Amino acid sequence: MMISTFFLFDWVLKEKRKEIQMRWIFTSYSFKKYAMYNLIVYTVLLLSIDAIGLILISAVLQESLNISTILSIFFFRIVVNLLAFLFAQLFRKQLQYYVSSIGMTLILILLGGGILPIEGVIENWHWAKNISPVHSLIIGEIPSFWLCFLLVMLLVWFGKGEKRNA
């Protein structure tokens, strides 16, 4: 789920190419507005796919879904989309982005306890549970630290001035 989201957000790099950026001069809205609109569209589409997946899992495996599980997956999707979107803003070349995305995904999964259990670490250091949003998904909590941090970073990115041509 995470790596595919990172790969899906390579559109940010494609839209930031110099040849493509020329079109923003002739439009009534900026690249940032376009990017925010696309972020919302991709998030809604991926949330819809997650909802369909939850319904299918519930129906096929006869599992009951509780509100904490649904909210955990909902906010995890938002966090992953924001992370992929903002992470893509740091790159210009696709290959570097793809390699870094794989590394970022592996680090977040490892630190979140997706492969190796980290309960012993969290018992001693409570702050360690905020290192990765994956841990919040595993234990069924909302990744509030990551959500707040990424929303602030998104607002900073959106509020930052754009380069303007005369």
N, C-alpha and C. Protein backbone atom coordinates (compact mmCIF):
# COMPACT_ATOMS: atom_id res chain seq x y z
N MET A 1 0.82 -1.19 0.00
CA MET A 1 0.00 0.00 0.00
C MET A 1 0.87 1.26 0.00
N MET A 2 1.90 1.27 0.83
CA MET A 2 2.72 2.48 0.91
C MET A 2 3.56 2.68 -0.34
N ILE A 3 4.23 1.64 -0.79
CA ILE A 3 5.13 1.81 -1.93
C ILE A 3 4.34 2.15 -3.19
N SER A 4 3.17 1.55 -3.35
CA SER A 4 2.36 1.88 -4.53
C SER A 4 1.87 3.32 -4.47
N THR A 5 1.60 3.82 -3.29
CA THR A 5 1.19 5.22 -3.16
C THR A 5 2.35 6.14 -3.52
N PHE A 6 3.53 5.82 -3.04
CA PHE A 6 4.70 6.63 -3.40
C PHE A 6 4.91 6.61 -4.92
N PHE A 7 4.80 5.44 -5.54
CA PHE A 7 4.99 5.36 -6.98
C PHE A 7 3.88 6.09 -7.73
N LEU A 8 2.69 6.08 -7.20
CA LEU A 8 1.57 6.77 -7.83
C LEU A 8 1.78 8.28 -7.83
N PHE A 9 2.44 8.78 -6.82
CA PHE A 9 2.64 10.23 -6.71
C PHE A 9 3.84 10.72 -7.51
N ASP A 10 4.33 9.93 -8.44
CA ASP A 10 5.39 10.41 -9.33
C ASP A 10 4.87 11.45 -10.31
N TRP A 11 3.55 11.61 -10.37
CA TRP A 11 2.98 12.66 -11.22
C TRP A 11 3.48 14.04 -10.78
N VAL A 12 3.81 14.19 -9.53
CA VAL A 12 4.32 15.48 -9.04
C VAL A 12 5.62 15.80 -9.76
N LEU A 13 6.49 14.81 -9.90
CA LEU A 13 7.76 15.03 -10.59
C LEU A 13 7.55 15.32 -12.06
N LYS A 14 6.63 14.60 -12.67
CA LYS A 14 6.36 14.81 -14.09
C LYS A 14 5.80 16.20 -14.34
N GLU A 15 4.97 16.68 -13.44
CA GLU A 15 4.39 18.02 -13.60
C GLU A 15 5.38 19.13 -13.29
N LYS A 16 6.46 18.82 -12.59
CA LYS A 16 7.45 19.83 -12.24
C LYS A 16 8.55 19.97 -13.29
N ARG A 17 8.49 19.17 -14.37
CA ARG A 17 9.51 19.27 -15.42
C ARG A 17 9.41 20.64 -16.09
N LYS A 18 10.55 21.16 -16.52
CA LYS A 18 10.60 22.50 -17.11
C LYS A 18 9.70 22.62 -18.34
N GLU A 19 9.69 21.57 -19.19
CA GLU A 19 8.86 21.63 -20.40
C GLU A 19 7.38 21.76 -20.05
N ILE A 20 6.99 21.11 -19.00
CA ILE A 20 5.58 21.10 -18.59
C ILE A 20 5.22 22.38 -17.84
N GLN A 21 6.17 22.93 -17.09
CA GLN A 21 5.88 24.10 -16.28
C GLN A 21 5.52 25.32 -17.12
N MET A 22 5.90 25.33 -18.36
CA MET A 22 5.57 26.46 -19.23
C MET A 22 4.07 26.69 -19.33
N ARG A 23 3.28 25.64 -19.24
CA ARG A 23 1.84 25.80 -19.40
C ARG A 23 1.20 26.58 -18.26
N TRP A 24 1.86 26.63 -17.09
CA TRP A 24 1.28 27.34 -15.95
C TRP A 24 1.30 28.85 -16.18
N ILE A 25 2.14 29.31 -17.07
CA ILE A 25 2.18 30.73 -17.40
C ILE A 25 0.87 31.15 -18.07
N PHE A 26 0.29 30.25 -18.85
CA PHE A 26 -0.89 30.57 -19.64
C PHE A 26 -2.21 30.15 -19.00
N THR A 27 -2.17 29.68 -17.78
CA THR A 27 -3.41 29.26 -17.12
C THR A 27 -3.79 30.25 -16.03
N SER A 28 -5.02 30.16 -15.60
CA SER A 28 -5.51 31.09 -14.58
C SER A 28 -5.21 30.62 -13.16
N TYR A 29 -4.73 29.41 -13.01
CA TYR A 29 -4.39 28.93 -11.67
C TYR A 29 -2.97 28.41 -11.65
N SER A 30 -2.41 28.36 -10.47
CA SER A 30 -0.99 28.01 -10.31
C SER A 30 -0.80 26.50 -10.21
N PHE A 31 0.47 26.11 -10.28
CA PHE A 31 0.81 24.71 -10.11
C PHE A 31 0.40 24.21 -8.73
N LYS A 32 0.55 25.06 -7.73
CA LYS A 32 0.22 24.64 -6.36
C LYS A 32 -1.27 24.35 -6.22
N LYS A 33 -2.11 25.16 -6.83
CA LYS A 33 -3.55 24.88 -6.77
C LYS A 33 -3.87 23.59 -7.52
N TYR A 34 -3.24 23.41 -8.66
CA TYR A 34 -3.43 22.18 -9.43
C TYR A 34 -2.97 20.96 -8.63
N ALA A 35 -1.81 21.08 -7.98
CA ALA A 35 -1.27 19.98 -7.19
C ALA A 35 -2.18 19.66 -6.00
N MET A 36 -2.71 20.68 -5.34
CA MET A 36 -3.61 20.46 -4.21
C MET A 36 -4.90 19.78 -4.68
N TYR A 37 -5.42 20.23 -5.81
CA TYR A 37 -6.62 19.60 -6.36
C TYR A 37 -6.35 18.13 -6.66
N ASN A 38 -5.23 17.84 -7.29
CA ASN A 38 -4.89 16.45 -7.61
C ASN A 38 -4.66 15.63 -6.35
N LEU A 39 -4.06 16.22 -5.33
CA LEU A 39 -3.87 15.52 -4.06
C LEU A 39 -5.22 15.12 -3.48
N ILE A 40 -6.17 16.01 -3.52
CA ILE A 40 -7.51 15.71 -3.01
C ILE A 40 -8.17 14.61 -3.84
N VAL A 41 -8.07 14.71 -5.15
CA VAL A 41 -8.69 13.70 -6.03
C VAL A 41 -8.06 12.33 -5.79
N TYR A 42 -6.74 12.26 -5.75
CA TYR A 42 -6.07 10.98 -5.51
C TYR A 42 -6.42 10.43 -4.14
N THR A 43 -6.51 11.30 -3.14
CA THR A 43 -6.85 10.84 -1.80
C THR A 43 -8.26 10.27 -1.75
N VAL A 44 -9.20 10.95 -2.38
CA VAL A 44 -10.58 10.45 -2.40
C VAL A 44 -10.66 9.11 -3.14
N LEU A 45 -9.97 9.01 -4.27
CA LEU A 45 -9.99 7.75 -5.02
C LEU A 45 -9.35 6.61 -4.22
N LEU A 46 -8.23 6.87 -3.60
CA LEU A 46 -7.57 5.82 -2.82
C LEU A 46 -8.36 5.46 -1.57
N LEU A 47 -9.02 6.44 -0.96
CA LEU A 47 -9.90 6.13 0.18
C LEU A 47 -11.08 5.27 -0.26
N SER A 48 -11.58 5.52 -1.47
CA SER A 48 -12.67 4.70 -2.00
C SER A 48 -12.20 3.26 -2.22
N ILE A 49 -11.01 3.11 -2.75
CA ILE A 49 -10.46 1.77 -2.95
C ILE A 49 -10.25 1.08 -1.61
N ASP A 50 -9.76 1.82 -0.62
CA ASP A 50 -9.59 1.24 0.72
C ASP A 50 -10.94 0.81 1.30
N ALA A 51 -11.98 1.63 1.09
CA ALA A 51 -13.31 1.29 1.60
C ALA A 51 -13.84 0.02 0.93
N ILE A 52 -13.64 -0.10 -0.37
CA ILE A 52 -14.06 -1.31 -1.08
C ILE A 52 -13.29 -2.52 -0.55
N GLY A 53 -11.99 -2.34 -0.32
CA GLY A 53 -11.19 -3.43 0.24
C GLY A 53 -11.67 -3.85 1.62
N LEU A 54 -12.01 -2.88 2.45
CA LEU A 54 -12.54 -3.20 3.78
C LEU A 54 -13.86 -3.95 3.71
N ILE A 55 -14.72 -3.52 2.80
CA ILE A 55 -16.02 -4.19 2.64
C ILE A 55 -15.81 -5.62 2.17
N LEU A 56 -14.91 -5.81 1.20
CA LEU A 56 -14.64 -7.16 0.70
C LEU A 56 -14.03 -8.05 1.77
N ILE A 57 -13.09 -7.52 2.52
CA ILE A 57 -12.48 -8.30 3.60
C ILE A 57 -13.52 -8.67 4.63
N SER A 58 -14.37 -7.73 4.95
CA SER A 58 -15.43 -7.99 5.94
C SER A 58 -16.39 -9.06 5.44
N ALA A 59 -16.74 -9.00 4.16
CA ALA A 59 -17.70 -9.95 3.61
C ALA A 59 -17.09 -11.34 3.42
N VAL A 60 -15.89 -11.39 2.88
CA VAL A 60 -15.27 -12.68 2.57
C VAL A 60 -14.78 -13.39 3.83
N LEU A 61 -14.15 -12.66 4.72
CA LEU A 61 -13.57 -13.28 5.91
C LEU A 61 -14.51 -13.27 7.11
N GLN A 62 -15.70 -12.74 6.91
CA GLN A 62 -16.70 -12.67 7.98
C GLN A 62 -16.16 -11.92 9.21
N GLU A 63 -15.37 -10.90 8.96
CA GLU A 63 -14.80 -10.09 10.04
C GLU A 63 -15.70 -8.89 10.29
N SER A 64 -15.90 -8.59 11.55
CA SER A 64 -16.66 -7.38 11.86
C SER A 64 -15.69 -6.20 11.92
N LEU A 65 -16.12 -5.09 11.36
CA LEU A 65 -15.29 -3.90 11.37
C LEU A 65 -15.78 -2.96 12.45
N ASN A 66 -14.85 -2.47 13.26
CA ASN A 66 -15.23 -1.48 14.25
C ASN A 66 -14.77 -0.11 13.79
N ILE A 67 -15.28 0.90 14.42
CA ILE A 67 -15.00 2.27 13.99
C ILE A 67 -13.53 2.63 14.15
N SER A 68 -12.85 2.08 15.14
CA SER A 68 -11.43 2.40 15.33
C SER A 68 -10.58 1.87 14.18
N THR A 69 -10.92 0.70 13.67
CA THR A 69 -10.20 0.14 12.52
C THR A 69 -10.42 0.99 11.28
N ILE A 70 -11.66 1.36 11.05
CA ILE A 70 -12.00 2.17 9.88
C ILE A 70 -11.30 3.53 9.95
N LEU A 71 -11.36 4.18 11.11
CA LEU A 71 -10.70 5.48 11.26
C LEU A 71 -9.19 5.37 11.15
N SER A 72 -8.64 4.30 11.68
CA SER A 72 -7.20 4.08 11.59
C SER A 72 -6.75 3.97 10.14
N ILE A 73 -7.47 3.20 9.36
CA ILE A 73 -7.13 3.05 7.94
C ILE A 73 -7.37 4.34 7.18
N PHE A 74 -8.46 5.03 7.49
CA PHE A 74 -8.79 6.30 6.85
C PHE A 74 -7.66 7.33 7.06
N PHE A 75 -7.26 7.52 8.30
CA PHE A 75 -6.23 8.51 8.59
C PHE A 75 -4.84 8.04 8.16
N PHE A 76 -4.61 6.75 8.17
CA PHE A 76 -3.34 6.23 7.66
C PHE A 76 -3.21 6.54 6.17
N ARG A 77 -4.29 6.38 5.43
CA ARG A 77 -4.28 6.69 4.00
C ARG A 77 -3.98 8.17 3.78
N ILE A 78 -4.60 9.03 4.57
CA ILE A 78 -4.35 10.47 4.43
C ILE A 78 -2.88 10.78 4.74
N VAL A 79 -2.35 10.17 5.79
CA VAL A 79 -0.95 10.40 6.16
C VAL A 79 -0.01 9.92 5.06
N VAL A 80 -0.26 8.74 4.52
CA VAL A 80 0.61 8.21 3.47
C VAL A 80 0.54 9.08 2.22
N ASN A 81 -0.65 9.53 1.86
CA ASN A 81 -0.78 10.40 0.69
C ASN A 81 -0.05 11.73 0.90
N LEU A 82 -0.22 12.33 2.07
CA LEU A 82 0.48 13.58 2.36
C LEU A 82 1.99 13.37 2.36
N LEU A 83 2.43 12.28 2.94
CA LEU A 83 3.86 11.98 2.98
C LEU A 83 4.41 11.79 1.57
N ALA A 84 3.73 11.03 0.74
CA ALA A 84 4.18 10.80 -0.63
C ALA A 84 4.19 12.11 -1.43
N PHE A 85 3.16 12.91 -1.26
CA PHE A 85 3.06 14.18 -1.97
C PHE A 85 4.20 15.12 -1.58
N LEU A 86 4.40 15.29 -0.29
CA LEU A 86 5.45 16.21 0.17
C LEU A 86 6.85 15.65 -0.11
N PHE A 87 6.99 14.34 -0.02
CA PHE A 87 8.28 13.70 -0.32
C PHE A 87 8.63 13.91 -1.79
N ALA A 88 7.64 13.83 -2.67
CA ALA A 88 7.88 14.03 -4.10
C ALA A 88 8.31 15.46 -4.41
N GLN A 89 7.92 16.40 -3.57
CA GLN A 89 8.31 17.80 -3.78
C GLN A 89 9.82 18.00 -3.63
N LEU A 90 10.48 17.08 -2.98
CA LEU A 90 11.92 17.21 -2.72
C LEU A 90 12.78 16.77 -3.89
N PHE A 91 12.19 16.17 -4.92
CA PHE A 91 12.97 15.57 -5.99
C PHE A 91 12.67 16.20 -7.34
N ARG A 92 13.65 16.08 -8.24
CA ARG A 92 13.49 16.50 -9.62
C ARG A 92 13.59 15.31 -10.58
N LYS A 93 14.36 14.30 -10.20
CA LYS A 93 14.58 13.15 -11.08
C LYS A 93 13.81 11.95 -10.57
N GLN A 94 13.16 11.25 -11.49
CA GLN A 94 12.29 10.14 -11.12
C GLN A 94 13.05 8.97 -10.50
N LEU A 95 14.19 8.62 -11.05
CA LEU A 95 14.92 7.48 -10.53
C LEU A 95 15.31 7.70 -9.07
N GLN A 96 15.79 8.89 -8.76
CA GLN A 96 16.14 9.20 -7.36
C GLN A 96 14.90 9.11 -6.47
N TYR A 97 13.78 9.57 -6.98
CA TYR A 97 12.54 9.52 -6.21
C TYR A 97 12.11 8.07 -5.96
N TYR A 98 12.17 7.24 -7.00
CA TYR A 98 11.76 5.84 -6.85
C TYR A 98 12.65 5.11 -5.83
N VAL A 99 13.95 5.28 -5.95
CA VAL A 99 14.87 4.61 -5.03
C VAL A 99 14.66 5.11 -3.61
N SER A 100 14.52 6.42 -3.46
CA SER A 100 14.30 6.99 -2.12
C SER A 100 12.95 6.56 -1.55
N SER A 101 11.96 6.41 -2.40
CA SER A 101 10.64 5.96 -1.95
C SER A 101 10.69 4.54 -1.40
N ILE A 102 11.44 3.69 -2.09
CA ILE A 102 11.60 2.32 -1.60
C ILE A 102 12.29 2.34 -0.24
N GLY A 103 13.35 3.13 -0.13
CA GLY A 103 14.05 3.24 1.15
C GLY A 103 13.17 3.80 2.25
N MET A 104 12.42 4.85 1.95
CA MET A 104 11.53 5.46 2.94
C MET A 104 10.47 4.46 3.40
N THR A 105 9.91 3.72 2.47
CA THR A 105 8.89 2.73 2.82
C THR A 105 9.46 1.64 3.71
N LEU A 106 10.63 1.13 3.35
CA LEU A 106 11.25 0.08 4.18
C LEU A 106 11.57 0.59 5.58
N ILE A 107 12.08 1.80 5.67
CA ILE A 107 12.41 2.37 6.99
C ILE A 107 11.15 2.53 7.83
N LEU A 108 10.08 3.07 7.24
CA LEU A 108 8.84 3.28 8.00
C LEU A 108 8.22 1.95 8.44
N ILE A 109 8.29 0.95 7.58
CA ILE A 109 7.73 -0.36 7.94
C ILE A 109 8.56 -1.01 9.05
N LEU A 110 9.89 -0.92 8.93
CA LEU A 110 10.75 -1.49 9.98
C LEU A 110 10.57 -0.77 11.31
N LEU A 111 10.58 0.55 11.28
CA LEU A 111 10.45 1.32 12.52
C LEU A 111 9.05 1.24 13.11
N GLY A 112 8.07 0.94 12.28
CA GLY A 112 6.70 0.84 12.76
C GLY A 112 6.32 -0.53 13.29
N GLY A 113 7.20 -1.48 13.18
CA GLY A 113 6.91 -2.81 13.67
C GLY A 113 6.18 -3.67 12.67
N GLY A 114 6.24 -3.32 11.40
CA GLY A 114 5.58 -4.11 10.37
C GLY A 114 6.30 -5.41 10.07
N ILE A 115 7.59 -5.48 10.35
CA ILE A 115 8.37 -6.69 10.10
C ILE A 115 8.87 -7.28 11.41
N LEU A 116 9.51 -6.45 12.21
CA LEU A 116 10.02 -6.88 13.51
C LEU A 116 9.20 -6.22 14.61
N PRO A 117 8.82 -6.96 15.63
CA PRO A 117 8.02 -6.35 16.71
C PRO A 117 8.83 -5.31 17.48
N ILE A 118 8.15 -4.22 17.88
CA ILE A 118 8.84 -3.15 18.60
C ILE A 118 8.19 -2.85 19.95
N GLU A 119 7.38 -3.76 20.44
CA GLU A 119 6.68 -3.52 21.70
C GLU A 119 7.63 -3.27 22.86
N GLY A 120 8.73 -4.00 22.92
CA GLY A 120 9.71 -3.82 23.99
C GLY A 120 10.34 -2.44 23.97
N VAL A 121 10.59 -1.93 22.78
CA VAL A 121 11.16 -0.59 22.65
C VAL A 121 10.16 0.46 23.11
N ILE A 122 8.91 0.28 22.75
CA ILE A 122 7.88 1.26 23.10
C ILE A 122 7.61 1.28 24.60
N GLU A 123 7.73 0.14 25.25
CA GLU A 123 7.54 0.10 26.71
C GLU A 123 8.57 0.96 27.42
N ASN A 124 9.80 0.96 26.92
CA ASN A 124 10.87 1.75 27.55
C ASN A 124 10.88 3.20 27.08
N TRP A 125 10.61 3.42 25.82
CA TRP A 125 10.62 4.76 25.24
C TRP A 125 9.28 5.00 24.56
N HIS A 126 8.40 5.71 25.24
CA HIS A 126 7.05 5.93 24.72
C HIS A 126 7.05 6.80 23.46
N TRP A 127 8.03 7.65 23.30
CA TRP A 127 8.09 8.50 22.12
C TRP A 127 8.36 7.69 20.85
N ALA A 128 8.88 6.48 20.99
CA ALA A 128 9.23 5.66 19.83
C ALA A 128 8.01 5.25 19.01
N LYS A 129 6.83 5.27 19.61
CA LYS A 129 5.64 4.88 18.85
C LYS A 129 5.27 5.92 17.79
N ASN A 130 5.82 7.13 17.91
CA ASN A 130 5.54 8.17 16.93
C ASN A 130 6.52 8.19 15.77
N ILE A 131 7.49 7.28 15.77
CA ILE A 131 8.51 7.28 14.73
C ILE A 131 7.91 6.94 13.37
N SER A 132 6.93 6.08 13.33
CA SER A 132 6.36 5.63 12.07
C SER A 132 4.84 5.56 12.15
N PRO A 133 4.15 6.01 11.09
CA PRO A 133 2.69 5.89 11.08
C PRO A 133 2.22 4.44 10.95
N VAL A 134 3.11 3.55 10.54
CA VAL A 134 2.76 2.14 10.38
C VAL A 134 2.38 1.54 11.74
N HIS A 135 3.06 1.94 12.78
CA HIS A 135 2.75 1.41 14.11
C HIS A 135 1.33 1.77 14.52
N SER A 136 0.90 2.99 14.21
CA SER A 136 -0.47 3.40 14.53
C SER A 136 -1.48 2.52 13.79
N LEU A 137 -1.19 2.19 12.55
CA LEU A 137 -2.09 1.33 11.79
C LEU A 137 -2.14 -0.07 12.40
N ILE A 138 -1.01 -0.59 12.79
CA ILE A 138 -0.95 -1.94 13.35
C ILE A 138 -1.75 -2.05 14.65
N ILE A 139 -1.66 -1.04 15.50
CA ILE A 139 -2.37 -1.10 16.78
C ILE A 139 -3.77 -0.49 16.70
N GLY A 140 -4.15 0.01 15.52
CA GLY A 140 -5.50 0.52 15.33
C GLY A 140 -5.74 1.91 15.89
N GLU A 141 -4.72 2.74 15.91
CA GLU A 141 -4.86 4.11 16.38
C GLU A 141 -4.70 5.08 15.22
N ILE A 142 -5.12 6.31 15.45
CA ILE A 142 -4.96 7.37 14.46
C ILE A 142 -3.54 7.93 14.61
N PRO A 143 -2.80 8.04 13.50
CA PRO A 143 -1.43 8.57 13.59
C PRO A 143 -1.43 10.09 13.74
N SER A 144 -1.85 10.56 14.91
CA SER A 144 -2.08 11.99 15.12
C SER A 144 -0.81 12.83 14.99
N PHE A 145 0.31 12.33 15.49
CA PHE A 145 1.56 13.08 15.37
C PHE A 145 1.90 13.33 13.91
N TRP A 146 1.89 12.26 13.11
CA TRP A 146 2.21 12.38 11.69
C TRP A 146 1.19 13.22 10.95
N LEU A 147 -0.07 13.06 11.28
CA LEU A 147 -1.12 13.83 10.62
C LEU A 147 -0.93 15.32 10.87
N CYS A 148 -0.73 15.71 12.10
CA CYS A 148 -0.53 17.13 12.43
C CYS A 148 0.74 17.66 11.77
N PHE A 149 1.83 16.91 11.87
CA PHE A 149 3.10 17.34 11.29
C PHE A 149 2.97 17.54 9.78
N LEU A 150 2.38 16.57 9.09
CA LEU A 150 2.27 16.66 7.64
C LEU A 150 1.29 17.73 7.19
N LEU A 151 0.23 17.95 7.95
CA LEU A 151 -0.69 19.04 7.61
C LEU A 151 -0.01 20.40 7.75
N VAL A 152 0.79 20.56 8.79
CA VAL A 152 1.55 21.81 8.95
C VAL A 152 2.53 21.97 7.80
N MET A 153 3.23 20.89 7.43
CA MET A 153 4.17 20.96 6.31
C MET A 153 3.47 21.27 5.00
N LEU A 154 2.27 20.73 4.80
CA LEU A 154 1.50 21.03 3.60
C LEU A 154 1.11 22.50 3.56
N LEU A 155 0.69 23.04 4.69
CA LEU A 155 0.34 24.46 4.76
C LEU A 155 1.56 25.34 4.50
N VAL A 156 2.71 24.95 5.03
CA VAL A 156 3.94 25.70 4.77
C VAL A 156 4.28 25.65 3.29
N TRP A 157 4.19 24.47 2.69
CA TRP A 157 4.48 24.33 1.26
C TRP A 157 3.51 25.17 0.43
N PHE A 158 2.25 25.12 0.76
CA PHE A 158 1.25 25.85 -0.02
C PHE A 158 1.39 27.36 0.19
N GLY A 159 1.74 27.77 1.39
CA GLY A 159 1.87 29.19 1.69
C GLY A 159 3.16 29.81 1.19
N LYS A 160 4.14 28.97 0.92
CA LYS A 160 5.42 29.47 0.42
C LYS A 160 5.22 30.07 -0.96
N GLY A 161 5.83 31.21 -1.20
CA GLY A 161 5.66 31.90 -2.48
C GLY A 161 6.23 31.11 -3.64
N GLU A 162 5.63 31.32 -4.81
CA GLU A 162 6.10 30.68 -6.02
C GLU A 162 7.01 31.62 -6.79
N LYS A 163 7.84 31.04 -7.63
CA LYS A 163 8.66 31.86 -8.52
C LYS A 163 7.74 32.45 -9.58
N ARG A 164 7.89 33.72 -9.81
CA ARG A 164 7.04 34.37 -10.81
C ARG A 164 7.92 34.94 -11.91
N ASN A 165 7.39 34.87 -13.11
CA ASN A 165 8.07 35.48 -14.25
C ASN A 165 7.50 36.87 -14.47
N ALA A 166 8.32 37.76 -14.96
CA ALA A 166 7.87 39.14 -15.15
C ALA A 166 6.89 39.27 -16.28
